[in-house]
Every structure is written in C-alpha cells, then in structure tokens.
Amino acid sequence: MKRSALIAAALALGPVAASAQEGREAQPSAETQEHAITYLRVLYAGLESKEVGEDVKSVLMGCIFSNSLRAITEQMNKAIAASSVTVDRNEPSQLLGVMAGVCGYRPPAAQGQQGAPEQTLGRR
C-alpha cells in the first residue's frame, strides 16, 4: 500500500527534537508557508474524516498539540524529499499518510516488525 510506504519513509528519518531553536528563527519561505497551510488543511480534514481511524486521529492530535506547525512542516518536507515514492502534494490522502508517519503512527502490521524505526515527531 502506498500510504504504508510513505509512513515507512517518514519514520526512517529518525527521532527529531521538535522544540524551537534558541534565538530568532528565520522567516520561512513563501513555499514553506504554502506547504504549512496545505498540511494544516490536510490535518483538519483527516481529523474530521469518517474514513480515518481513531488511532490515526489520536496520533495526529497529539502531534499538533505537542509540536509546532513549523516543526511538522519541516519534517513533512524532509520526509517527502527523502521518500522513494513520489508524493503528490495535491493529493490529501498521500499527505495524510506522510503526516501520520511523521507524527509517529505505525500501522498494526508494522508494529510487530523487528527493528521498526522510532517515531520522528510525537508528544513531548
């Protein structure tokens, strides 16, 4: 399943500190800001969707509660760039799959795999 491959790619990035850096952070580019808006829309749609499982919704809610939108956007962009699968930024279901992986969701089939990667973002 394509979503599983995207989640696996996001998880492969390893643990990431989501706390803000000390000092003033550089203003994100216009492209990064557009990505953040898209990701926030996808997150909201995923939380409202009846097709998204409660386990995924719980991970997404914990992620946005514990991490900045900037941190989530940065990790989403890294995961998409590092993915061996082409991610269409105009396809919300693909973005939601990447977001779930970035936020630490592991599908039940992947949870039993030995050596499964740690979550990248999550609750602090």
PDB file of N, CA and C in Angstrom:
ATOM      1  N   MET A   1       0.844  -1.174   0.000  1.00  0.00           N
ATOM      2  CA  MET A   1       0.000   0.000   0.000  1.00  0.00           C
ATOM      3  C   MET A   1       0.885   1.233   0.000  1.00  0.00           C
ATOM      4  N   LYS A   2       0.540   2.196  -0.829  1.00  0.00           N
ATOM      5  CA  LYS A   2       1.364   3.384  -0.998  1.00  0.00           C
ATOM      6  C   LYS A   2       1.487   4.179   0.293  1.00  0.00           C
ATOM      7  N   ARG A   3       0.395   4.271   1.066  1.00  0.00           N
ATOM      8  CA  ARG A   3       0.422   5.034   2.315  1.00  0.00           C
ATOM      9  C   ARG A   3       1.411   4.411   3.289  1.00  0.00           C
ATOM     10  N   SER A   4       1.479   3.072   3.346  1.00  0.00           N
ATOM     11  CA  SER A   4       2.424   2.401   4.238  1.00  0.00           C
ATOM     12  C   SER A   4       3.857   2.728   3.854  1.00  0.00           C
ATOM     13  N   ALA A   5       4.130   2.779   2.544  1.00  0.00           N
ATOM     14  CA  ALA A   5       5.471   3.131   2.090  1.00  0.00           C
ATOM     15  C   ALA A   5       5.819   4.559   2.493  1.00  0.00           C
ATOM     16  N   LEU A   6       4.848   5.452   2.417  1.00  0.00           N
ATOM     17  CA  LEU A   6       5.082   6.842   2.807  1.00  0.00           C
ATOM     18  C   LEU A   6       5.320   6.959   4.304  1.00  0.00           C
ATOM     19  N   ILE A   7       4.549   6.220   5.086  1.00  0.00           N
ATOM     20  CA  ILE A   7       4.734   6.228   6.539  1.00  0.00           C
ATOM     21  C   ILE A   7       6.110   5.686   6.883  1.00  0.00           C
ATOM     22  N   ALA A   8       6.502   4.588   6.232  1.00  0.00           N
ATOM     23  CA  ALA A   8       7.814   3.996   6.489  1.00  0.00           C
ATOM     24  C   ALA A   8       8.932   4.979   6.152  1.00  0.00           C
ATOM     25  N   ALA A   9       8.783   5.705   5.050  1.00  0.00           N
ATOM     26  CA  ALA A   9       9.798   6.690   4.669  1.00  0.00           C
ATOM     27  C   ALA A   9       9.892   7.803   5.701  1.00  0.00           C
ATOM     28  N   ALA A  10       8.758   8.239   6.207  1.00  0.00           N
ATOM     29  CA  ALA A  10       8.749   9.295   7.219  1.00  0.00           C
ATOM     30  C   ALA A  10       9.389   8.810   8.513  1.00  0.00           C
ATOM     31  N   LEU A  11       9.118   7.568   8.889  1.00  0.00           N
ATOM     32  CA  LEU A  11       9.679   7.020  10.118  1.00  0.00           C
ATOM     33  C   LEU A  11      11.181   6.800  10.009  1.00  0.00           C
ATOM     34  N   ALA A  12      11.661   6.563   8.815  1.00  0.00           N
ATOM     35  CA  ALA A  12      13.075   6.283   8.618  1.00  0.00           C
ATOM     36  C   ALA A  12      13.963   7.489   8.912  1.00  0.00           C
ATOM     37  N   LEU A  13      13.383   8.653   9.004  1.00  0.00           N
ATOM     38  CA  LEU A  13      14.169   9.853   9.279  1.00  0.00           C
ATOM     39  C   LEU A  13      14.734   9.867  10.692  1.00  0.00           C
ATOM     40  N   GLY A  14      14.177   9.087  11.584  1.00  0.00           N
ATOM     41  CA  GLY A  14      14.677   9.014  12.942  1.00  0.00           C
ATOM     42  C   GLY A  14      14.111  10.087  13.842  1.00  0.00           C
ATOM     43  N   PRO A  15      14.448  10.030  15.126  1.00  0.00           N
ATOM     44  CA  PRO A  15      13.910  10.982  16.095  1.00  0.00           C
ATOM     45  C   PRO A  15      14.349  12.416  15.798  1.00  0.00           C
ATOM     46  N   VAL A  16      13.452  13.334  16.074  1.00  0.00           N
ATOM     47  CA  VAL A  16      13.716  14.746  15.820  1.00  0.00           C
ATOM     48  C   VAL A  16      13.260  15.548  17.023  1.00  0.00           C
ATOM     49  N   ALA A  17      14.073  16.487  17.438  1.00  0.00           N
ATOM     50  CA  ALA A  17      13.657  17.391  18.510  1.00  0.00           C
ATOM     51  C   ALA A  17      12.721  18.422  17.911  1.00  0.00           C
ATOM     52  N   ALA A  18      11.544  18.558  18.485  1.00  0.00           N
ATOM     53  CA  ALA A  18      10.545  19.471  17.930  1.00  0.00           C
ATOM     54  C   ALA A  18      10.549  20.826  18.617  1.00  0.00           C
ATOM     55  N   SER A  19      11.389  21.005  19.608  1.00  0.00           N
ATOM     56  CA  SER A  19      11.374  22.281  20.325  1.00  0.00           C
ATOM     57  C   SER A  19      11.982  23.382  19.466  1.00  0.00           C
ATOM     58  N   ALA A  20      11.544  24.585  19.724  1.00  0.00           N
ATOM     59  CA  ALA A  20      12.028  25.736  18.961  1.00  0.00           C
ATOM     60  C   ALA A  20      13.495  25.985  19.278  1.00  0.00           C
ATOM     61  N   GLN A  21      14.211  26.447  18.285  1.00  0.00           N
ATOM     62  CA  GLN A  21      15.613  26.770  18.478  1.00  0.00           C
ATOM     63  C   GLN A  21      15.707  28.059  19.275  1.00  0.00           C
ATOM     64  N   GLU A  22      16.827  28.193  19.968  1.00  0.00           N
ATOM     65  CA  GLU A  22      17.027  29.420  20.727  1.00  0.00           C
ATOM     66  C   GLU A  22      17.259  30.574  19.767  1.00  0.00           C
ATOM     67  N   GLY A  23      16.856  31.734  20.185  1.00  0.00           N
ATOM     68  CA  GLY A  23      17.040  32.908  19.356  1.00  0.00           C
ATOM     69  C   GLY A  23      15.941  33.038  18.319  1.00  0.00           C
ATOM     70  N   ARG A  24      16.100  34.017  17.481  1.00  0.00           N
ATOM     71  CA  ARG A  24      15.094  34.304  16.460  1.00  0.00           C
ATOM     72  C   ARG A  24      15.286  33.374  15.264  1.00  0.00           C
ATOM     73  N   GLU A  25      14.195  32.757  14.847  1.00  0.00           N
ATOM     74  CA  GLU A  25      14.248  31.859  13.704  1.00  0.00           C
ATOM     75  C   GLU A  25      14.012  32.645  12.425  1.00  0.00           C
ATOM     76  N   ALA A  26      14.624  32.190  11.361  1.00  0.00           N
ATOM     77  CA  ALA A  26      14.450  32.844  10.070  1.00  0.00           C
ATOM     78  C   ALA A  26      13.010  32.690   9.599  1.00  0.00           C
ATOM     79  N   GLN A  27      12.531  33.695   8.914  1.00  0.00           N
ATOM     80  CA  GLN A  27      11.182  33.657   8.350  1.00  0.00           C
ATOM     81  C   GLN A  27      11.139  32.553   7.292  1.00  0.00           C
ATOM     82  N   PRO A  28      10.133  31.676   7.343  1.00  0.00           N
ATOM     83  CA  PRO A  28      10.051  30.614   6.336  1.00  0.00           C
ATOM     84  C   PRO A  28       9.764  31.199   4.951  1.00  0.00           C
ATOM     85  N   SER A  29      10.207  30.488   3.936  1.00  0.00           N
ATOM     86  CA  SER A  29       9.969  30.934   2.560  1.00  0.00           C
ATOM     87  C   SER A  29       8.474  30.882   2.248  1.00  0.00           C
ATOM     88  N   ALA A  30       8.088  31.553   1.181  1.00  0.00           N
ATOM     89  CA  ALA A  30       6.684  31.546   0.754  1.00  0.00           C
ATOM     90  C   ALA A  30       6.233  30.119   0.440  1.00  0.00           C
ATOM     91  N   GLU A  31       7.129  29.337  -0.153  1.00  0.00           N
ATOM     92  CA  GLU A  31       6.797  27.945  -0.475  1.00  0.00           C
ATOM     93  C   GLU A  31       6.546  27.135   0.800  1.00  0.00           C
ATOM     94  N   THR A  32       7.406  27.314   1.798  1.00  0.00           N
ATOM     95  CA  THR A  32       7.235  26.608   3.070  1.00  0.00           C
ATOM     96  C   THR A  32       5.938  27.030   3.745  1.00  0.00           C
ATOM     97  N   GLN A  33       5.604  28.312   3.679  1.00  0.00           N
ATOM     98  CA  GLN A  33       4.346  28.780   4.260  1.00  0.00           C
ATOM     99  C   GLN A  33       3.149  28.155   3.547  1.00  0.00           C
ATOM    100  N   GLU A  34       3.219  28.039   2.229  1.00  0.00           N
ATOM    101  CA  GLU A  34       2.139  27.389   1.471  1.00  0.00           C
ATOM    102  C   GLU A  34       2.018  25.919   1.858  1.00  0.00           C
ATOM    103  N   HIS A  35       3.163  25.254   2.035  1.00  0.00           N
ATOM    104  CA  HIS A  35       3.136  23.859   2.474  1.00  0.00           C
ATOM    105  C   HIS A  35       2.471  23.752   3.844  1.00  0.00           C
ATOM    106  N   ALA A  36       2.816  24.662   4.757  1.00  0.00           N
ATOM    107  CA  ALA A  36       2.233  24.638   6.102  1.00  0.00           C
ATOM    108  C   ALA A  36       0.717  24.792   6.043  1.00  0.00           C
ATOM    109  N   ILE A  37       0.241  25.689   5.198  1.00  0.00           N
ATOM    110  CA  ILE A  37      -1.207  25.880   5.048  1.00  0.00           C
ATOM    111  C   ILE A  37      -1.854  24.605   4.523  1.00  0.00           C
ATOM    112  N   THR A  38      -1.231  24.001   3.519  1.00  0.00           N
ATOM    113  CA  THR A  38      -1.754  22.747   2.959  1.00  0.00           C
ATOM    114  C   THR A  38      -1.781  21.656   4.018  1.00  0.00           C
ATOM    115  N   TYR A  39      -0.695  21.519   4.775  1.00  0.00           N
ATOM    116  CA  TYR A  39      -0.621  20.470   5.790  1.00  0.00           C
ATOM    117  C   TYR A  39      -1.660  20.686   6.885  1.00  0.00           C
ATOM    118  N   LEU A  40      -1.892  21.935   7.266  1.00  0.00           N
ATOM    119  CA  LEU A  40      -2.898  22.217   8.289  1.00  0.00           C
ATOM    120  C   LEU A  40      -4.291  21.845   7.784  1.00  0.00           C
ATOM    121  N   ARG A  41      -4.564  22.152   6.528  1.00  0.00           N
ATOM    122  CA  ARG A  41      -5.854  21.759   5.931  1.00  0.00           C
ATOM    123  C   ARG A  41      -6.008  20.244   5.907  1.00  0.00           C
ATOM    124  N   VAL A  42      -4.938  19.546   5.529  1.00  0.00           N
ATOM    125  CA  VAL A  42      -4.967  18.081   5.482  1.00  0.00           C
ATOM    126  C   VAL A  42      -5.177  17.516   6.884  1.00  0.00           C
ATOM    127  N   LEU A  43      -4.488  18.075   7.865  1.00  0.00           N
ATOM    128  CA  LEU A  43      -4.649  17.631   9.248  1.00  0.00           C
ATOM    129  C   LEU A  43      -6.097  17.786   9.697  1.00  0.00           C
ATOM    130  N   TYR A  44      -6.653  18.953   9.461  1.00  0.00           N
ATOM    131  CA  TYR A  44      -8.039  19.212   9.864  1.00  0.00           C
ATOM    132  C   TYR A  44      -8.996  18.260   9.153  1.00  0.00           C
ATOM    133  N   ALA A  45      -8.823  18.083   7.859  1.00  0.00           N
ATOM    134  CA  ALA A  45      -9.694  17.180   7.099  1.00  0.00           C
ATOM    135  C   ALA A  45      -9.566  15.748   7.610  1.00  0.00           C
ATOM    136  N   GLY A  46      -8.346  15.341   7.952  1.00  0.00           N
ATOM    137  CA  GLY A  46      -8.133  13.997   8.487  1.00  0.00           C
ATOM    138  C   GLY A  46      -8.827  13.798   9.822  1.00  0.00           C
ATOM    139  N   LEU A  47      -8.769  14.816  10.678  1.00  0.00           N
ATOM    140  CA  LEU A  47      -9.431  14.723  11.980  1.00  0.00           C
ATOM    141  C   LEU A  47     -10.950  14.684  11.840  1.00  0.00           C
ATOM    142  N   GLU A  48     -11.485  15.312  10.803  1.00  0.00           N
ATOM    143  CA  GLU A  48     -12.929  15.353  10.577  1.00  0.00           C
ATOM    144  C   GLU A  48     -13.449  14.162   9.772  1.00  0.00           C
ATOM    145  N   SER A  49     -12.569  13.448   9.097  1.00  0.00           N
ATOM    146  CA  SER A  49     -12.976  12.374   8.193  1.00  0.00           C
ATOM    147  C   SER A  49     -13.463  11.136   8.944  1.00  0.00           C
ATOM    148  N   LYS A  50     -14.530  10.547   8.433  1.00  0.00           N
ATOM    149  CA  LYS A  50     -15.024   9.280   8.978  1.00  0.00           C
ATOM    150  C   LYS A  50     -14.210   8.108   8.448  1.00  0.00           C
ATOM    151  N   GLU A  51     -13.408   8.338   7.416  1.00  0.00           N
ATOM    152  CA  GLU A  51     -12.596   7.289   6.809  1.00  0.00           C
ATOM    153  C   GLU A  51     -11.253   7.101   7.511  1.00  0.00           C
ATOM    154  N   VAL A  52     -10.879   8.025   8.366  1.00  0.00           N
ATOM    155  CA  VAL A  52      -9.609   7.951   9.085  1.00  0.00           C
ATOM    156  C   VAL A  52      -9.871   7.331  10.450  1.00  0.00           C
ATOM    157  N   GLY A  53      -9.076   6.314  10.785  1.00  0.00           N
ATOM    158  CA  GLY A  53      -9.254   5.603  12.046  1.00  0.00           C
ATOM    159  C   GLY A  53      -8.956   6.461  13.265  1.00  0.00           C
ATOM    160  N   GLU A  54      -9.589   6.100  14.372  1.00  0.00           N
ATOM    161  CA  GLU A  54      -9.380   6.841  15.624  1.00  0.00           C
ATOM    162  C   GLU A  54      -7.930   6.773  16.093  1.00  0.00           C
ATOM    163  N   ASP A  55      -7.244   5.656  15.804  1.00  0.00           N
ATOM    164  CA  ASP A  55      -5.843   5.546  16.200  1.00  0.00           C
ATOM    165  C   ASP A  55      -4.980   6.576  15.466  1.00  0.00           C
ATOM    166  N   VAL A  56      -5.263   6.790  14.183  1.00  0.00           N
ATOM    167  CA  VAL A  56      -4.529   7.792  13.409  1.00  0.00           C
ATOM    168  C   VAL A  56      -4.892   9.190  13.906  1.00  0.00           C
ATOM    169  N   LYS A  57      -6.168   9.429  14.140  1.00  0.00           N
ATOM    170  CA  LYS A  57      -6.607  10.743  14.633  1.00  0.00           C
ATOM    171  C   LYS A  57      -5.948  11.080  15.965  1.00  0.00           C
ATOM    172  N   SER A  58      -5.823  10.096  16.824  1.00  0.00           N
ATOM    173  CA  SER A  58      -5.197  10.312  18.125  1.00  0.00           C
ATOM    174  C   SER A  58      -3.734  10.728  17.969  1.00  0.00           C
ATOM    175  N   VAL A  59      -3.023  10.056  17.077  1.00  0.00           N
ATOM    176  CA  VAL A  59      -1.619  10.401  16.834  1.00  0.00           C
ATOM    177  C   VAL A  59      -1.508  11.806  16.252  1.00  0.00           C
ATOM    178  N   LEU A  60      -2.375  12.130  15.294  1.00  0.00           N
ATOM    179  CA  LEU A  60      -2.343  13.460  14.682  1.00  0.00           C
ATOM    180  C   LEU A  60      -2.641  14.551  15.704  1.00  0.00           C
ATOM    181  N   MET A  61      -3.633  14.323  16.546  1.00  0.00           N
ATOM    182  CA  MET A  61      -3.995  15.319  17.560  1.00  0.00           C
ATOM    183  C   MET A  61      -2.853  15.510  18.554  1.00  0.00           C
ATOM    184  N   GLY A  62      -2.266  14.420  18.998  1.00  0.00           N
ATOM    185  CA  GLY A  62      -1.125  14.515  19.908  1.00  0.00           C
ATOM    186  C   GLY A  62       0.047  15.241  19.278  1.00  0.00           C
ATOM    187  N   CYS A  63       0.233  15.023  17.995  1.00  0.00           N
ATOM    188  CA  CYS A  63       1.343  15.642  17.273  1.00  0.00           C
ATOM    189  C   CYS A  63       1.167  17.154  17.177  1.00  0.00           C
ATOM    190  N   ILE A  64      -0.008  17.600  16.770  1.00  0.00           N
ATOM    191  CA  ILE A  64      -0.228  19.044  16.628  1.00  0.00           C
ATOM    192  C   ILE A  64      -0.279  19.720  18.001  1.00  0.00           C
ATOM    193  N   PHE A  65      -0.691  18.995  19.009  1.00  0.00           N
ATOM    194  CA  PHE A  65      -0.747  19.549  20.357  1.00  0.00           C
ATOM    195  C   PHE A  65       0.660  19.729  20.928  1.00  0.00           C
ATOM    196  N   SER A  66       1.555  18.813  20.595  1.00  0.00           N
ATOM    197  CA  SER A  66       2.887  18.809  21.198  1.00  0.00           C
ATOM    198  C   SER A  66       3.983  19.427  20.339  1.00  0.00           C
ATOM    199  N   ASN A  67       3.689  19.714  19.084  1.00  0.00           N
ATOM    200  CA  ASN A  67       4.707  20.219  18.167  1.00  0.00           C
ATOM    201  C   ASN A  67       4.188  21.446  17.433  1.00  0.00           C
ATOM    202  N   SER A  68       5.104  22.295  17.054  1.00  0.00           N
ATOM    203  CA  SER A  68       4.706  23.477  16.287  1.00  0.00           C
ATOM    204  C   SER A  68       4.379  23.085  14.851  1.00  0.00           C
ATOM    205  N   LEU A  69       3.573  23.901  14.214  1.00  0.00           N
ATOM    206  CA  LEU A  69       3.273  23.676  12.802  1.00  0.00           C
ATOM    207  C   LEU A  69       4.561  23.779  11.987  1.00  0.00           C
ATOM    208  N   ARG A  70       5.468  24.631  12.424  1.00  0.00           N
ATOM    209  CA  ARG A  70       6.768  24.751  11.747  1.00  0.00           C
ATOM    210  C   ARG A  70       7.522  23.421  11.794  1.00  0.00           C
ATOM    211  N   ALA A  71       7.591  22.802  12.966  1.00  0.00           N
ATOM    212  CA  ALA A  71       8.307  21.528  13.091  1.00  0.00           C
ATOM    213  C   ALA A  71       7.653  20.448  12.239  1.00  0.00           C
ATOM    214  N   ILE A  72       6.339  20.394  12.258  1.00  0.00           N
ATOM    215  CA  ILE A  72       5.630  19.399  11.454  1.00  0.00           C
ATOM    216  C   ILE A  72       5.882  19.653   9.970  1.00  0.00           C
ATOM    217  N   THR A  73       5.813  20.905   9.553  1.00  0.00           N
ATOM    218  CA  THR A  73       6.045  21.256   8.148  1.00  0.00           C
ATOM    219  C   THR A  73       7.458  20.886   7.720  1.00  0.00           C
ATOM    220  N   GLU A  74       8.442  21.202   8.547  1.00  0.00           N
ATOM    221  CA  GLU A  74       9.831  20.869   8.216  1.00  0.00           C
ATOM    222  C   GLU A  74      10.008  19.365   8.062  1.00  0.00           C
ATOM    223  N   GLN A  75       9.424  18.591   8.976  1.00  0.00           N
ATOM    224  CA  GLN A  75       9.560  17.139   8.897  1.00  0.00           C
ATOM    225  C   GLN A  75       8.776  16.555   7.722  1.00  0.00           C
ATOM    226  N   MET A  76       7.622  17.126   7.432  1.00  0.00           N
ATOM    227  CA  MET A  76       6.860  16.688   6.255  1.00  0.00           C
ATOM    228  C   MET A  76       7.685  16.924   4.991  1.00  0.00           C
ATOM    229  N   ASN A  77       8.264  18.109   4.862  1.00  0.00           N
ATOM    230  CA  ASN A  77       9.061  18.421   3.680  1.00  0.00           C
ATOM    231  C   ASN A  77      10.267  17.497   3.561  1.00  0.00           C
ATOM    232  N   LYS A  78      10.926  17.198   4.678  1.00  0.00           N
ATOM    233  CA  LYS A  78      12.064  16.276   4.660  1.00  0.00           C
ATOM    234  C   LYS A  78      11.619  14.873   4.269  1.00  0.00           C
ATOM    235  N   ALA A  79      10.506  14.420   4.827  1.00  0.00           N
ATOM    236  CA  ALA A  79      10.012  13.074   4.529  1.00  0.00           C
ATOM    237  C   ALA A  79       9.634  12.948   3.059  1.00  0.00           C
ATOM    238  N   ILE A  80       8.985  13.968   2.523  1.00  0.00           N
ATOM    239  CA  ILE A  80       8.588  13.936   1.114  1.00  0.00           C
ATOM    240  C   ILE A  80       9.822  13.947   0.222  1.00  0.00           C
ATOM    241  N   ALA A  81      10.813  14.759   0.560  1.00  0.00           N
ATOM    242  CA  ALA A  81      12.043  14.822  -0.235  1.00  0.00           C
ATOM    243  C   ALA A  81      12.815  13.505  -0.179  1.00  0.00           C
ATOM    244  N   ALA A  82      12.792  12.835   0.973  1.00  0.00           N
ATOM    245  CA  ALA A  82      13.544  11.596   1.150  1.00  0.00           C
ATOM    246  C   ALA A  82      12.791  10.355   0.688  1.00  0.00           C
ATOM    247  N   SER A  83      11.515  10.498   0.397  1.00  0.00           N
ATOM    248  CA  SER A  83      10.682   9.346   0.051  1.00  0.00           C
ATOM    249  C   SER A  83      11.091   8.731  -1.281  1.00  0.00           C
ATOM    250  N   SER A  84      11.133   7.398  -1.304  1.00  0.00           N
ATOM    251  CA  SER A  84      11.398   6.686  -2.554  1.00  0.00           C
ATOM    252  C   SER A  84      10.141   6.630  -3.416  1.00  0.00           C
ATOM    253  N   VAL A  85       9.009   7.001  -2.838  1.00  0.00           N
ATOM    254  CA  VAL A  85       7.729   7.037  -3.542  1.00  0.00           C
ATOM    255  C   VAL A  85       7.414   8.504  -3.836  1.00  0.00           C
ATOM    256  N   THR A  86       6.992   8.797  -5.049  1.00  0.00           N
ATOM    257  CA  THR A  86       6.631  10.164  -5.398  1.00  0.00           C
ATOM    258  C   THR A  86       5.357  10.559  -4.660  1.00  0.00           C
ATOM    259  N   VAL A  87       5.418  11.661  -3.946  1.00  0.00           N
ATOM    260  CA  VAL A  87       4.268  12.160  -3.193  1.00  0.00           C
ATOM    261  C   VAL A  87       3.680  13.347  -3.946  1.00  0.00           C
ATOM    262  N   ASP A  88       2.396  13.268  -4.230  1.00  0.00           N
ATOM    263  CA  ASP A  88       1.687  14.350  -4.909  1.00  0.00           C
ATOM    264  C   ASP A  88       1.140  15.294  -3.842  1.00  0.00           C
ATOM    265  N   ARG A  89       1.664  16.496  -3.777  1.00  0.00           N
ATOM    266  CA  ARG A  89       1.227  17.464  -2.767  1.00  0.00           C
ATOM    267  C   ARG A  89      -0.210  17.921  -2.984  1.00  0.00           C
ATOM    268  N   ASN A  90      -0.787  17.578  -4.120  1.00  0.00           N
ATOM    269  CA  ASN A  90      -2.190  17.902  -4.390  1.00  0.00           C
ATOM    270  C   ASN A  90      -3.115  16.752  -4.025  1.00  0.00           C
ATOM    271  N   GLU A  91      -2.571  15.687  -3.447  1.00  0.00           N
ATOM    272  CA  GLU A  91      -3.357  14.511  -3.079  1.00  0.00           C
ATOM    273  C   GLU A  91      -3.399  14.408  -1.549  1.00  0.00           C
ATOM    274  N   PRO A  92      -4.485  14.887  -0.930  1.00  0.00           N
ATOM    275  CA  PRO A  92      -4.571  14.913   0.533  1.00  0.00           C
ATOM    276  C   PRO A  92      -4.344  13.558   1.204  1.00  0.00           C
ATOM    277  N   SER A  93      -4.807  12.472   0.603  1.00  0.00           N
ATOM    278  CA  SER A  93      -4.631  11.168   1.251  1.00  0.00           C
ATOM    279  C   SER A  93      -3.160  10.784   1.327  1.00  0.00           C
ATOM    280  N   GLN A  94      -2.374  11.156   0.320  1.00  0.00           N
ATOM    281  CA  GLN A  94      -0.939  10.883   0.365  1.00  0.00           C
ATOM    282  C   GLN A  94      -0.271  11.737   1.439  1.00  0.00           C
ATOM    283  N   LEU A  95      -0.643  13.001   1.492  1.00  0.00           N
ATOM    284  CA  LEU A  95      -0.071  13.888   2.510  1.00  0.00           C
ATOM    285  C   LEU A  95      -0.451  13.435   3.914  1.00  0.00           C
ATOM    286  N   LEU A  96      -1.679  12.975   4.081  1.00  0.00           N
ATOM    287  CA  LEU A  96      -2.110  12.497   5.394  1.00  0.00           C
ATOM    288  C   LEU A  96      -1.306  11.264   5.805  1.00  0.00           C
ATOM    289  N   GLY A  97      -1.005  10.396   4.848  1.00  0.00           N
ATOM    290  CA  GLY A  97      -0.179   9.227   5.135  1.00  0.00           C
ATOM    291  C   GLY A  97       1.214   9.612   5.597  1.00  0.00           C
ATOM    292  N   VAL A  98       1.806  10.579   4.919  1.00  0.00           N
ATOM    293  CA  VAL A  98       3.129  11.063   5.317  1.00  0.00           C
ATOM    294  C   VAL A  98       3.046  11.715   6.694  1.00  0.00           C
ATOM    295  N   MET A  99       2.021  12.538   6.907  1.00  0.00           N
ATOM    296  CA  MET A  99       1.867  13.225   8.186  1.00  0.00           C
ATOM    297  C   MET A  99       1.712  12.226   9.331  1.00  0.00           C
ATOM    298  N   ALA A 100       0.920  11.203   9.111  1.00  0.00           N
ATOM    299  CA  ALA A 100       0.744  10.188  10.153  1.00  0.00           C
ATOM    300  C   ALA A 100       2.085   9.553  10.503  1.00  0.00           C
ATOM    301  N   GLY A 101       2.883   9.245   9.489  1.00  0.00           N
ATOM    302  CA  GLY A 101       4.198   8.659   9.735  1.00  0.00           C
ATOM    303  C   GLY A 101       5.137   9.612  10.445  1.00  0.00           C
ATOM    304  N   VAL A 102       5.151  10.863  10.022  1.00  0.00           N
ATOM    305  CA  VAL A 102       5.990  11.880  10.652  1.00  0.00           C
ATOM    306  C   VAL A 102       5.599  12.056  12.117  1.00  0.00           C
ATOM    307  N   CYS A 103       4.313  11.942  12.387  1.00  0.00           N
ATOM    308  CA  CYS A 103       3.815  12.128  13.755  1.00  0.00           C
ATOM    309  C   CYS A 103       3.950  10.881  14.619  1.00  0.00           C
ATOM    310  N   GLY A 104       4.409   9.788  14.043  1.00  0.00           N
ATOM    311  CA  GLY A 104       4.686   8.603  14.843  1.00  0.00           C
ATOM    312  C   GLY A 104       3.730   7.450  14.680  1.00  0.00           C
ATOM    313  N   TYR A 105       2.753   7.550  13.792  1.00  0.00           N
ATOM    314  CA  TYR A 105       1.815   6.441  13.599  1.00  0.00           C
ATOM    315  C   TYR A 105       2.519   5.282  12.919  1.00  0.00           C
ATOM    316  N   ARG A 106       2.288   4.098  13.460  1.00  0.00           N
ATOM    317  CA  ARG A 106       2.781   2.870  12.840  1.00  0.00           C
ATOM    318  C   ARG A 106       1.588   1.960  12.636  1.00  0.00           C
ATOM    319  N   PRO A 107       1.335   1.542  11.397  1.00  0.00           N
ATOM    320  CA  PRO A 107       0.215   0.632  11.152  1.00  0.00           C
ATOM    321  C   PRO A 107       0.397  -0.644  11.960  1.00  0.00           C
ATOM    322  N   PRO A 108      -0.698  -1.289  12.351  1.00  0.00           N
ATOM    323  CA  PRO A 108      -0.592  -2.509  13.156  1.00  0.00           C
ATOM    324  C   PRO A 108       0.360  -3.542  12.565  1.00  0.00           C
ATOM    325  N   ALA A 109       0.404  -3.701  11.254  1.00  0.00           N
ATOM    326  CA  ALA A 109       1.306  -4.668  10.626  1.00  0.00           C
ATOM    327  C   ALA A 109       2.765  -4.293  10.853  1.00  0.00           C
ATOM    328  N   ALA A 110       3.073  -3.005  10.891  1.00  0.00           N
ATOM    329  CA  ALA A 110       4.450  -2.546  11.064  1.00  0.00           C
ATOM    330  C   ALA A 110       4.888  -2.590  12.524  1.00  0.00           C
ATOM    331  N   GLN A 111       3.947  -2.585  13.455  1.00  0.00           N
ATOM    332  CA  GLN A 111       4.305  -2.549  14.873  1.00  0.00           C
ATOM    333  C   GLN A 111       5.024  -3.807  15.317  1.00  0.00           C
ATOM    334  N   GLY A 112       4.738  -4.929  14.690  1.00  0.00           N
ATOM    335  CA  GLY A 112       5.366  -6.178  15.084  1.00  0.00           C
ATOM    336  C   GLY A 112       6.691  -6.432  14.403  1.00  0.00           C
ATOM    337  N   GLN A 113       7.084  -5.592  13.458  1.00  0.00           N
ATOM    338  CA  GLN A 113       8.330  -5.796  12.744  1.00  0.00           C
ATOM    339  C   GLN A 113       9.506  -5.462  13.647  1.00  0.00           C
ATOM    340  N   GLN A 114      10.476  -6.363  13.642  1.00  0.00           N
ATOM    341  CA  GLN A 114      11.665  -6.126  14.444  1.00  0.00           C
ATOM    342  C   GLN A 114      12.491  -5.022  13.797  1.00  0.00           C
ATOM    343  N   GLY A 115      13.005  -4.143  14.596  1.00  0.00           N
ATOM    344  CA  GLY A 115      13.830  -3.058  14.094  1.00  0.00           C
ATOM    345  C   GLY A 115      13.037  -1.946  13.443  1.00  0.00           C
ATOM    346  N   ALA A 116      11.751  -1.862  13.731  1.00  0.00           N
ATOM    347  CA  ALA A 116      10.937  -0.786  13.161  1.00  0.00           C
ATOM    348  C   ALA A 116      11.481   0.549  13.655  1.00  0.00           C
ATOM    349  N   PRO A 117      11.550   1.550  12.777  1.00  0.00           N
ATOM    350  CA  PRO A 117      12.119   2.840  13.177  1.00  0.00           C
ATOM    351  C   PRO A 117      11.275   3.550  14.224  1.00  0.00           C
ATOM    352  N   GLU A 118      11.929   4.398  14.987  1.00  0.00           N
ATOM    353  CA  GLU A 118      11.249   5.195  16.003  1.00  0.00           C
ATOM    354  C   GLU A 118      10.464   6.310  15.336  1.00  0.00           C
ATOM    355  N   GLN A 119       9.535   6.886  16.079  1.00  0.00           N
ATOM    356  CA  GLN A 119       8.754   7.997  15.536  1.00  0.00           C
ATOM    357  C   GLN A 119       9.626   9.229  15.388  1.00  0.00           C
ATOM    358  N   THR A 120       9.240  10.105  14.462  1.00  0.00           N
ATOM    359  CA  THR A 120      10.028  11.308  14.237  1.00  0.00           C
ATOM    360  C   THR A 120       9.531  12.472  15.072  1.00  0.00           C
ATOM    361  N   LEU A 121       8.244  12.660  15.137  1.00  0.00           N
ATOM    362  CA  LEU A 121       7.650  13.689  15.982  1.00  0.00           C
ATOM    363  C   LEU A 121       6.663  12.982  16.889  1.00  0.00           C
ATOM    364  N   GLY A 122       6.277  13.603  17.912  1.00  0.00           N
ATOM    365  CA  GLY A 122       5.296  12.988  18.799  1.00  0.00           C
ATOM    366  C   GLY A 122       5.061  13.868  19.989  1.00  0.00           C
ATOM    367  N   ARG A 123       4.573  13.264  20.998  1.00  0.00           N
ATOM    368  CA  ARG A 123       4.294  14.027  22.217  1.00  0.00           C
ATOM    369  C   ARG A 123       5.576  14.238  22.981  1.00  0.00           C
ATOM    370  N   ARG A 124       5.704  15.406  23.536  1.00  0.00           N
ATOM    371  CA  ARG A 124       6.900  15.719  24.337  1.00  0.00           C
ATOM    372  C   ARG A 124       6.729  15.223  25.732  1.00  0.00           C
TER     373      ARG A 124
END
